[in-house]
């Protein structure tokens, strides 16, 4: 655990929560503060990982690859949106 002082996190907890955290910290040989920071860091890592990746089934993966290799034909709505985007790029370039 990094012992360099940094930001402070303060929270109010019940006696029951304090007792539970202390018991867990004692079991792993750390202070309550060290235990809480480590647990929060592990949870934050899991959340960031979960929200930063997409898990596909094998079938979904194969379908995605198929669409990448053989995209469907562009419909009228797509070509209109593409033309609008190109006009916006040209307008932005001429205004710069």
C-alpha atoms as a PDB file:
ATOM      1  CA  UNK A   1       0.000   0.000   0.000  1.00  0.00           C
ATOM      2  CA  UNK A   2       1.324   3.423  -0.923  1.00  0.00           C
ATOM      3  CA  UNK A   3       2.031   5.440   2.226  1.00  0.00           C
ATOM      4  CA  UNK A   4       2.530   8.834   0.551  1.00  0.00           C
ATOM      5  CA  UNK A   5      -0.055  11.304   1.877  1.00  0.00           C
ATOM      6  CA  UNK A   6      -2.610  12.581  -0.612  1.00  0.00           C
ATOM      7  CA  UNK A   7      -6.248  13.559  -0.679  1.00  0.00           C
ATOM      8  CA  UNK A   8      -8.502  12.809   2.279  1.00  0.00           C
ATOM      9  CA  UNK A   9     -11.835  10.984   2.086  1.00  0.00           C
ATOM     10  CA  UNK A  10     -14.169  11.377   5.057  1.00  0.00           C
ATOM     11  CA  UNK A  11     -17.456   9.592   5.662  1.00  0.00           C
ATOM     12  CA  UNK A  12     -19.820   8.860   8.529  1.00  0.00           C
ATOM     13  CA  UNK A  13     -20.686   5.244   9.241  1.00  0.00           C
ATOM     14  CA  UNK A  14     -22.727   3.316  11.779  1.00  0.00           C
ATOM     15  CA  UNK A  15     -21.185   1.330  14.615  1.00  0.00           C
ATOM     16  CA  UNK A  16     -22.159  -1.885  12.823  1.00  0.00           C
ATOM     17  CA  UNK A  17     -20.359  -0.844   9.642  1.00  0.00           C
ATOM     18  CA  UNK A  18     -17.305   0.220  11.643  1.00  0.00           C
ATOM     19  CA  UNK A  19     -17.227  -3.137  13.450  1.00  0.00           C
ATOM     20  CA  UNK A  20     -17.580  -5.082  10.209  1.00  0.00           C
ATOM     21  CA  UNK A  21     -14.841  -3.101   8.472  1.00  0.00           C
ATOM     22  CA  UNK A  22     -12.552  -3.424  11.490  1.00  0.00           C
ATOM     23  CA  UNK A  23     -13.068  -7.190  11.639  1.00  0.00           C
ATOM     24  CA  UNK A  24     -12.271  -7.558   7.935  1.00  0.00           C
ATOM     25  CA  UNK A  25      -9.248  -5.277   8.201  1.00  0.00           C
ATOM     26  CA  UNK A  26      -7.958  -7.263  11.181  1.00  0.00           C
ATOM     27  CA  UNK A  27      -8.279 -10.497   9.212  1.00  0.00           C
ATOM     28  CA  UNK A  28      -6.062  -9.206   6.416  1.00  0.00           C
ATOM     29  CA  UNK A  29      -3.680  -7.349   8.724  1.00  0.00           C
ATOM     30  CA  UNK A  30      -4.389  -3.792   7.669  1.00  0.00           C
ATOM     31  CA  UNK A  31      -5.895  -0.670   9.129  1.00  0.00           C
ATOM     32  CA  UNK A  32      -9.527   0.151   8.434  1.00  0.00           C
ATOM     33  CA  UNK A  33      -8.435   3.050   6.220  1.00  0.00           C
ATOM     34  CA  UNK A  34      -6.108   0.834   4.194  1.00  0.00           C
ATOM     35  CA  UNK A  35      -8.813  -1.819   3.903  1.00  0.00           C
ATOM     36  CA  UNK A  36     -11.487   0.645   2.758  1.00  0.00           C
ATOM     37  CA  UNK A  37      -9.189   2.299   0.207  1.00  0.00           C
ATOM     38  CA  UNK A  38      -8.094  -1.066  -1.204  1.00  0.00           C
ATOM     39  CA  UNK A  39     -11.673  -2.365  -1.379  1.00  0.00           C
ATOM     40  CA  UNK A  40     -12.893   0.840  -3.037  1.00  0.00           C
ATOM     41  CA  UNK A  41     -10.032   0.733  -5.518  1.00  0.00           C
ATOM     42  CA  UNK A  42     -10.783  -2.885  -6.450  1.00  0.00           C
ATOM     43  CA  UNK A  43     -14.480  -2.071  -6.910  1.00  0.00           C
ATOM     44  CA  UNK A  44     -13.672   1.023  -8.989  1.00  0.00           C
ATOM     45  CA  UNK A  45     -11.397  -1.052 -11.226  1.00  0.00           C
ATOM     46  CA  UNK A  46     -14.143  -3.624 -11.805  1.00  0.00           C
ATOM     47  CA  UNK A  47     -16.699  -0.931 -12.645  1.00  0.00           C
ATOM     48  CA  UNK A  48     -14.336   0.837 -15.037  1.00  0.00           C
ATOM     49  CA  UNK A  49     -13.481  -2.458 -16.746  1.00  0.00           C
ATOM     50  CA  UNK A  50     -17.138  -3.450 -16.961  1.00  0.00           C
ATOM     51  CA  UNK A  51     -18.194  -0.116 -18.442  1.00  0.00           C
ATOM     52  CA  UNK A  52     -15.216   0.083 -20.823  1.00  0.00           C
ATOM     53  CA  UNK A  53     -15.703  -3.169 -22.668  1.00  0.00           C
ATOM     54  CA  UNK A  54     -18.391  -4.973 -24.596  1.00  0.00           C
ATOM     55  CA  UNK A  55     -18.724  -8.710 -24.266  1.00  0.00           C
ATOM     56  CA  UNK A  56     -20.151 -10.510 -27.273  1.00  0.00           C
ATOM     57  CA  UNK A  57     -21.169 -14.105 -27.667  1.00  0.00           C
ATOM     58  CA  UNK A  58     -19.434 -16.118 -30.368  1.00  0.00           C
ATOM     59  CA  UNK A  59     -22.491 -15.723 -32.575  1.00  0.00           C
ATOM     60  CA  UNK A  60     -22.567 -11.944 -32.045  1.00  0.00           C
ATOM     61  CA  UNK A  61     -18.838 -11.710 -32.770  1.00  0.00           C
ATOM     62  CA  UNK A  62     -19.214 -13.600 -36.031  1.00  0.00           C
ATOM     63  CA  UNK A  63     -22.157 -11.410 -37.045  1.00  0.00           C
ATOM     64  CA  UNK A  64     -20.161  -8.245 -36.320  1.00  0.00           C
ATOM     65  CA  UNK A  65     -17.214  -9.495 -38.378  1.00  0.00           C
ATOM     66  CA  UNK A  66     -19.586 -10.396 -41.217  1.00  0.00           C
ATOM     67  CA  UNK A  67     -21.061  -6.884 -41.188  1.00  0.00           C
ATOM     68  CA  UNK A  68     -17.599  -5.323 -41.163  1.00  0.00           C
ATOM     69  CA  UNK A  69     -16.438  -7.437 -44.097  1.00  0.00           C
ATOM     70  CA  UNK A  70     -19.739  -7.184 -46.001  1.00  0.00           C
ATOM     71  CA  UNK A  71     -21.587  -4.032 -44.928  1.00  0.00           C
ATOM     72  CA  UNK A  72     -25.210  -3.655 -45.968  1.00  0.00           C
ATOM     73  CA  UNK A  73     -25.972  -1.243 -48.823  1.00  0.00           C
ATOM     74  CA  UNK A  74     -26.294   2.401 -47.794  1.00  0.00           C
ATOM     75  CA  UNK A  75     -29.863   3.629 -47.716  1.00  0.00           C
ATOM     76  CA  UNK A  76     -31.159   7.092 -48.612  1.00  0.00           C
ATOM     77  CA  UNK A  77     -31.127   8.300 -45.010  1.00  0.00           C
ATOM     78  CA  UNK A  78     -27.452   7.371 -44.677  1.00  0.00           C
ATOM     79  CA  UNK A  79     -26.431   9.130 -47.901  1.00  0.00           C
ATOM     80  CA  UNK A  80     -28.331  12.272 -46.820  1.00  0.00           C
ATOM     81  CA  UNK A  81     -26.580  12.252 -43.441  1.00  0.00           C
ATOM     82  CA  UNK A  82     -23.211  11.715 -45.128  1.00  0.00           C
ATOM     83  CA  UNK A  83     -23.823  14.635 -47.516  1.00  0.00           C
ATOM     84  CA  UNK A  84     -24.856  16.871 -44.606  1.00  0.00           C
ATOM     85  CA  UNK A  85     -21.690  15.900 -42.719  1.00  0.00           C
ATOM     86  CA  UNK A  86     -19.506  16.669 -45.755  1.00  0.00           C
ATOM     87  CA  UNK A  87     -21.160  20.108 -46.110  1.00  0.00           C
ATOM     88  CA  UNK A  88     -20.508  20.816 -42.427  1.00  0.00           C
ATOM     89  CA  UNK A  89     -16.830  19.891 -42.858  1.00  0.00           C
ATOM     90  CA  UNK A  90     -16.515  22.139 -45.898  1.00  0.00           C
ATOM     91  CA  UNK A  91     -18.247  25.028 -44.080  1.00  0.00           C
ATOM     92  CA  UNK A  92     -15.973  24.605 -41.057  1.00  0.00           C
ATOM     93  CA  UNK A  93     -12.903  24.534 -43.326  1.00  0.00           C
ATOM     94  CA  UNK A  94     -13.886  27.700 -45.160  1.00  0.00           C
ATOM     95  CA  UNK A  95     -14.589  29.555 -41.889  1.00  0.00           C
ATOM     96  CA  UNK A  96     -11.201  28.695 -40.391  1.00  0.00           C
END
